[in-house]
Protein backbone atom coordinates (compact mmCIF):
# COMPACT_ATOMS: atom_id res chain seq x y z
CA MET A 1 78.46 127.70 92.86
CA SER A 2 77.89 128.25 96.61
CA ASN A 3 74.28 127.23 96.11
CA VAL A 4 75.20 123.83 94.66
CA GLN A 5 75.13 120.86 97.04
CA ILE A 6 78.36 119.02 96.81
CA ASN A 7 78.03 115.36 97.58
CA GLU A 8 79.60 112.08 96.85
CA GLN A 9 77.42 111.48 93.69
CA SER A 10 77.98 114.85 92.19
CA LEU A 11 81.80 114.55 92.67
CA THR A 12 81.86 111.41 90.46
CA LYS A 13 81.43 113.90 87.63
CA VAL A 14 84.62 115.75 88.37
CA TYR A 15 86.90 112.94 89.47
CA GLU A 16 87.34 109.41 88.20
CA GLN A 17 89.40 107.34 90.57
CA ILE A 18 92.30 105.21 89.25
CA PRO A 19 91.92 102.00 91.24
CA THR A 20 94.46 101.52 94.09
CA SER A 21 95.39 98.18 92.64
CA HIS A 22 97.17 100.09 89.89
CA TYR A 23 99.69 101.43 92.48
CA LEU A 24 100.13 98.07 94.27
CA THR A 25 101.96 96.17 91.71
CA GLU A 26 105.31 96.88 93.07
CA CYS A 27 104.22 96.75 96.84
CA HIS A 28 104.25 93.92 99.42
CA LYS A 29 107.26 92.27 97.96
CA GLY A 30 109.64 92.57 100.92
CA PRO A 31 112.18 91.97 102.26
CA TYR A 32 110.21 91.77 105.40
CA TYR A 33 111.55 94.16 108.12
CA THR A 34 111.81 92.45 111.55
CA GLY A 35 113.17 95.34 113.58
CA ASP A 36 111.57 98.15 115.76
CA TYR A 37 110.14 101.34 114.69
CA LYS A 38 110.36 104.58 116.68
CA LEU A 39 106.85 105.22 117.95
CA GLY A 40 105.75 108.78 118.41
CA LEU A 41 103.23 111.05 119.95
CA ASN A 42 101.46 113.61 117.90
CA LEU A 43 100.74 116.45 120.29
CA TYR A 44 97.33 116.93 118.54
CA SER A 45 96.18 113.89 120.63
CA PHE A 46 95.86 116.55 123.39
CA SER A 47 94.39 119.25 121.12
CA HIS A 48 91.40 120.03 123.41
CA ASN A 49 93.59 120.41 126.40
CA LEU A 50 96.20 122.48 124.51
CA PHE A 51 93.64 124.90 123.07
CA SER A 52 92.28 125.43 126.57
CA TRP A 53 95.78 126.48 127.66
CA LEU A 54 96.48 128.68 124.72
CA GLN A 55 93.05 130.33 124.81
CA GLY A 56 93.08 130.74 128.69
CA LYS A 57 89.71 128.75 128.98
CA THR A 58 88.56 127.34 132.30
CA ASP A 59 85.18 125.85 131.02
CA GLY A 60 86.50 123.17 128.61
CA ALA A 61 89.02 120.47 128.65
CA PRO A 62 91.58 120.75 131.44
CA PRO A 63 94.43 122.82 130.17
CA VAL A 64 98.00 121.49 129.65
CA ASP A 65 100.92 123.16 128.03
CA THR A 66 103.30 122.00 125.32
CA MET A 67 106.27 121.59 127.56
CA SER A 68 104.37 119.36 129.98
CA LEU A 69 103.24 117.14 127.16
CA ILE A 70 106.76 116.67 125.94
CA ARG A 71 107.74 115.54 129.48
CA TYR A 72 104.70 113.32 129.50
CA ALA A 73 105.81 111.61 126.12
CA LYS A 74 109.13 110.71 127.69
CA GLU A 75 107.46 109.39 130.81
CA ALA A 76 104.96 107.36 128.83
CA GLY A 77 107.71 105.69 126.67
CA PHE A 78 107.46 107.43 123.38
CA ASP A 79 110.47 107.74 121.20
CA SER A 80 109.60 110.92 119.56
CA VAL A 81 107.11 113.75 119.37
CA ASP A 82 105.38 115.56 116.43
CA ILE A 83 104.76 119.08 117.70
CA THR A 84 102.34 120.82 115.46
CA CYS A 85 102.91 124.61 115.16
CA TYR A 86 99.49 125.23 116.57
CA PHE A 87 100.95 124.67 120.04
CA ILE A 88 103.53 127.36 119.81
CA PRO A 89 102.12 130.50 121.36
CA GLY A 90 101.45 133.23 118.76
CA TYR A 91 100.58 130.67 116.03
CA GLU A 92 97.64 131.83 113.79
CA ASN A 93 95.72 129.86 111.20
CA PHE A 94 95.13 132.57 108.62
CA THR A 95 97.85 135.20 109.26
CA LEU A 96 101.44 135.33 110.31
CA PRO A 97 102.06 135.03 114.08
CA SER A 98 100.49 137.37 116.49
CA ARG A 99 103.55 137.39 118.66
CA PRO A 100 107.22 138.84 117.87
CA ASP A 101 109.44 136.64 115.89
CA GLU A 102 111.94 136.46 118.58
CA GLU A 103 109.42 135.08 120.98
CA ILE A 104 108.34 132.38 118.54
CA TYR A 105 112.02 131.36 117.86
CA GLU A 106 112.84 131.32 121.55
CA TYR A 107 109.92 129.01 122.18
CA ALA A 108 111.13 126.69 119.33
CA ARG A 109 114.62 126.73 120.83
CA THR A 110 113.21 125.75 124.28
CA ILE A 111 111.28 122.85 122.75
CA ARG A 112 114.43 121.58 121.05
CA LYS A 113 116.52 121.92 124.27
CA LEU A 114 113.97 120.01 126.34
CA CYS A 115 113.71 117.16 123.83
CA ASP A 116 117.48 116.93 123.65
CA GLU A 117 117.65 116.78 127.49
CA LEU A 118 115.07 114.09 127.62
CA GLY A 119 116.42 112.10 124.68
CA LEU A 120 113.27 112.53 122.49
CA GLU A 121 113.43 112.99 118.79
CA ILE A 122 111.18 115.47 116.97
CA SER A 123 109.58 113.62 114.04
CA GLY A 124 107.86 116.60 112.46
CA THR A 125 105.56 119.60 112.80
CA GLY A 126 102.74 121.17 110.60
CA ILE A 127 100.36 124.03 110.12
CA LYS A 128 96.86 124.56 108.86
CA ASN A 129 96.51 125.65 105.15
CA ASP A 130 94.16 125.31 102.12
CA PHE A 131 95.81 125.17 98.63
CA ALA A 132 92.55 124.23 97.03
CA ASP A 133 90.93 127.44 97.93
CA PRO A 134 89.68 129.47 94.94
CA SER A 135 91.28 132.58 96.45
CA ALA A 136 94.83 133.13 95.15
CA GLU A 137 95.34 135.69 98.01
CA ARG A 138 94.59 133.01 100.49
CA ARG A 139 96.84 130.55 98.76
CA ALA A 140 99.70 133.08 98.75
CA MET A 141 99.19 133.84 102.33
CA ASP A 142 99.32 130.19 103.23
CA ILE A 143 102.66 129.76 101.21
CA GLU A 144 104.05 132.70 103.05
CA ARG A 145 102.97 131.17 106.40
CA ILE A 146 104.41 127.81 105.59
CA LYS A 147 107.82 129.39 104.62
CA TYR A 148 107.77 131.16 108.03
CA TRP A 149 107.05 128.12 109.99
CA MET A 150 109.62 126.04 108.08
CA ASP A 151 112.22 128.49 109.35
CA VAL A 152 110.88 127.86 112.90
CA ALA A 153 110.92 124.09 112.20
CA VAL A 154 114.76 124.39 111.47
CA VAL A 155 115.20 126.10 114.85
CA MET A 156 112.99 123.47 116.57
CA GLY A 157 114.76 120.60 114.79
CA ALA A 158 111.74 119.23 113.04
CA PRO A 159 112.74 117.47 109.76
CA VAL A 160 109.19 117.26 108.22
CA MET A 161 106.74 120.13 107.64
CA ARG A 162 103.22 118.69 107.29
CA VAL A 163 100.76 120.58 105.11
CA PHE A 164 97.28 120.04 103.88
CA ASN A 165 96.13 120.10 100.26
CA GLY A 166 92.90 121.66 101.13
CA GLU A 167 89.06 121.34 101.49
CA ILE A 168 86.80 120.47 98.57
CA PRO A 169 86.32 123.93 97.19
CA ALA A 170 82.94 125.54 96.48
CA ASP A 171 83.66 125.80 92.77
CA ILE A 172 84.67 122.16 92.27
CA LEU A 173 81.63 121.33 90.16
CA SER A 174 82.33 124.22 87.64
CA THR A 175 85.79 122.74 87.01
CA ASP A 176 87.29 119.26 87.92
CA TRP A 177 89.54 117.75 90.47
CA GLU A 178 92.55 117.57 88.15
CA ALA A 179 92.29 121.17 87.25
CA VAL A 180 92.18 122.26 90.96
CA ALA A 181 95.04 119.98 91.68
CA LYS A 182 97.35 121.10 88.85
CA GLU A 183 96.37 124.83 88.86
CA ARG A 184 96.12 125.54 92.65
CA ILE A 185 97.69 122.77 94.68
CA VAL A 186 100.68 121.60 92.66
CA PRO A 187 102.27 125.10 92.12
CA ALA A 188 101.75 125.83 95.86
CA LEU A 189 103.47 122.54 96.85
CA ILE A 190 106.38 123.10 94.48
CA GLU A 191 106.99 126.59 95.83
CA CYS A 192 106.98 125.22 99.38
CA ALA A 193 109.05 122.22 98.62
CA GLU A 194 111.70 124.24 96.93
CA TYR A 195 111.94 126.57 99.78
CA GLY A 196 112.13 123.53 102.15
CA ALA A 197 115.02 122.13 100.12
CA GLN A 198 116.99 125.31 100.83
CA ARG A 199 116.26 125.01 104.49
CA GLY A 200 116.72 121.11 104.89
CA ILE A 201 113.11 120.51 105.51
CA ARG A 202 110.87 117.89 103.69
CA ILE A 203 107.25 118.73 102.93
CA GLY A 204 104.86 115.95 103.90
CA MET A 205 101.29 116.53 102.54
CA GLN A 206 98.64 114.80 104.52
CA ASN A 207 95.80 112.82 103.10
CA HIS A 208 93.01 114.33 105.14
CA GLY A 209 89.73 113.03 103.67
CA ASP A 210 89.35 116.31 101.74
CA ILE A 211 90.47 117.26 98.26
CA THR A 212 92.98 114.24 98.68
CA SER A 213 90.88 111.30 99.95
CA THR A 214 92.35 108.49 97.94
CA ALA A 215 95.76 107.09 97.44
CA ASP A 216 95.15 107.79 93.67
CA GLN A 217 94.75 111.53 94.40
CA VAL A 218 97.83 111.65 96.70
CA ILE A 219 100.04 109.85 94.20
CA ARG A 220 98.98 111.84 91.18
CA ILE A 221 99.69 115.07 92.97
CA LEU A 222 103.10 113.88 94.04
CA GLN A 223 103.95 112.78 90.38
CA TRP A 224 102.81 116.09 88.91
CA ALA A 225 104.87 118.09 91.38
CA ASN A 226 107.85 115.58 91.08
CA LEU A 227 110.17 117.05 93.65
CA PRO A 228 112.50 114.79 95.87
CA ASN A 229 111.63 116.41 99.14
CA LEU A 230 107.86 116.31 98.70
CA GLY A 231 106.15 113.31 100.14
CA VAL A 232 103.34 112.20 102.51
CA VAL A 233 102.19 112.21 106.08
CA ASN A 234 100.25 108.93 105.96
CA ASP A 235 97.04 109.34 107.88
CA THR A 236 95.58 105.98 108.49
CA GLY A 237 92.20 107.37 109.40
CA CYS A 238 91.29 109.43 106.34
CA TYR A 239 91.19 107.28 103.18
CA LYS A 240 87.89 107.07 101.73
CA THR A 241 85.81 107.48 98.52
CA PHE A 242 86.09 111.16 97.35
CA GLY A 243 83.24 113.17 98.93
CA ALA A 244 82.00 110.21 101.15
CA PRO A 245 81.05 111.33 104.69
CA THR A 246 83.25 108.53 106.16
CA GLY A 247 85.56 105.69 105.11
CA GLU A 248 83.38 103.06 106.45
CA GLY A 249 83.68 99.93 104.04
CA TYR A 250 86.63 101.41 102.10
CA ALA A 251 89.72 99.41 101.54
CA TRP A 252 91.86 101.58 103.77
CA TYR A 253 94.86 99.28 104.13
CA ASP A 254 95.35 99.04 100.35
CA ASP A 255 95.57 102.96 100.11
CA ILE A 256 97.94 102.99 103.18
CA GLU A 257 100.30 100.49 101.47
CA ALA A 258 100.11 102.30 98.07
CA VAL A 259 101.28 105.55 99.62
CA LEU A 260 104.10 103.92 101.72
CA PRO A 261 106.86 104.46 99.07
CA TYR A 262 106.14 108.16 99.35
CA THR A 263 105.66 108.29 103.14
CA TYR A 264 107.69 110.63 105.34
CA ASN A 265 105.75 110.24 108.49
CA PHE A 266 102.45 108.79 109.90
CA GLN A 267 99.41 109.59 111.84
CA VAL A 268 98.17 106.34 113.12
CA LYS A 269 94.39 106.58 114.19
CA LYS A 270 92.29 104.24 116.14
CA LEU A 271 89.42 104.32 113.58
CA PRO A 272 90.55 103.76 109.92
CA GLY A 273 87.03 104.92 108.73
CA GLY A 274 87.16 108.27 110.64
CA LEU A 275 85.05 109.70 113.45
CA HIS A 276 81.55 108.44 113.85
CA THR A 277 82.54 105.02 112.70
CA GLU A 278 82.90 101.76 114.85
CA THR A 279 85.50 99.63 113.01
CA VAL A 280 88.88 99.68 114.96
CA THR A 281 92.18 99.79 113.12
CA ASP A 282 93.72 96.19 112.79
CA LEU A 283 97.26 97.28 113.97
CA ASP A 284 98.72 93.87 113.15
CA GLU A 285 97.60 94.28 109.47
CA LEU A 286 98.98 97.80 109.36
CA PHE A 287 102.38 96.89 110.77
CA THR A 288 102.55 93.81 108.43
CA ARG A 289 102.12 96.03 105.42
CA ILE A 290 104.59 98.67 106.71
CA ARG A 291 107.06 95.86 107.31
CA PHE A 292 106.88 94.77 103.75
CA SER A 293 107.75 98.36 102.58
CA GLY A 294 111.07 100.26 102.85
CA TYR A 295 109.66 102.70 105.49
CA ARG A 296 111.97 102.90 108.52
CA GLY A 297 110.82 106.20 109.87
CA HIS A 298 108.77 107.26 112.98
CA ILE A 299 105.34 106.01 113.48
CA PRO A 300 103.38 108.59 115.57
CA LEU A 301 99.88 108.05 116.94
CA GLU A 302 97.12 110.63 116.94
CA THR A 303 93.97 110.28 119.03
CA ILE A 304 90.95 112.30 118.19
CA TRP A 305 87.46 112.39 119.59
CA ALA A 306 83.85 112.86 118.50
CA ASN A 307 81.92 115.30 120.57
CA SER A 308 79.55 112.39 121.60
CA ASP A 309 82.24 110.27 122.98
CA ALA A 310 81.97 109.41 126.70
CA ASN A 311 85.63 109.93 127.28
CA HIS A 312 85.94 113.07 125.43
CA PRO A 313 88.68 115.24 127.03
CA LYS A 314 86.01 117.93 127.93
CA ALA A 315 84.36 115.20 130.25
CA LEU A 316 87.59 114.22 132.03
CA SER A 317 88.98 115.72 135.20
CA GLY A 318 92.54 115.84 133.57
CA PRO A 319 94.22 115.33 130.23
CA PRO A 320 93.59 111.87 128.65
CA TYR A 321 97.02 110.52 129.54
CA ASP A 322 95.74 106.98 130.28
CA GLN A 323 93.87 106.67 126.89
CA VAL A 324 96.88 107.82 124.89
CA ARG A 325 99.22 105.64 126.82
CA GLY A 326 96.78 102.66 126.26
CA PHE A 327 96.85 103.33 122.47
CA LEU A 328 100.62 103.39 122.61
CA GLU A 329 100.65 100.04 124.34
CA GLN A 330 98.49 98.51 121.71
CA ILE A 331 100.63 99.86 118.91
CA ARG A 332 103.78 98.52 120.62
CA ALA A 333 102.25 95.13 121.10
CA ALA A 334 101.27 94.91 117.40
CA MET A 335 104.78 96.10 116.31
CA ASN A 336 106.31 93.22 118.47
CA ARG A 337 103.85 90.55 117.35
CA THR A 338 104.59 91.36 113.64
CA LYS A 339 108.23 90.98 113.94
CA VAL A 340 107.91 87.41 112.77
CA GLN A 341 106.48 87.01 109.34
CA LYS A 342 103.24 84.90 109.17
């Protein structure tokens, strides 16, 4: 199937979307929450700078290390941080860590100690994985890796482990979406969630515009797995028609709202349609919908850039501190404006 072109039109043959309205019948009924939320920084907002530091690069974005960004988060006025495991030295995407276990654990302890000293909460962490991959060996390694990093999350004090469901696999047209979800993704999520339950960690699967692009896909997988500590990291910039290049024109806020009852954590993005789109997130609309739900957890922001962006971190003389702080201020203003129900 590697020679078959996978596009939005061909994917309609393997996945029929249940309309989001089906899941909204019990939503938006209040009571309307009028309090504050804890606003957080996902460290991936500085991914270009962090990878420069980890890889020892001098020709890319100016380097900055994890501990410095934790201190920045406190200075900028964030309530919490989401520290992706990518930014612990020794992390690897496809294998177990390349550094000794004790070195990994010591770094996690140092993160926790610094956050405690600063009065910052840790809202979550996460790794890269692909449970939709046709290779059983790849999926087994990802499960082993997730278990390893859940143990690290316990040491670090992160209550939620973010995982992906996976990219749209090359063999999708020879099967269908439901089969891939039930035969590959759901068993892997169950194994991870059961291990997480033993360690006191919740698994938050992130909708990522991939094999799970719609609220329908997210909710169906959760219902098939049916475990109490398996939920969602609600990514506001990744809902779209399955297989579409972007989410431009899609009813993002309906999908965000439909997934709220299952949400453990957030990634609030500037662009609801994804990179290479122009519509900016209506933060008042977002907060209004969240306030009608029962969600009372952290709301971390995550900034990402297209390579063509004029203010891309590689083009700056230092990390994008001002851009991230500016987005935080916009989010806080929207949170305050929406305290009164209109």
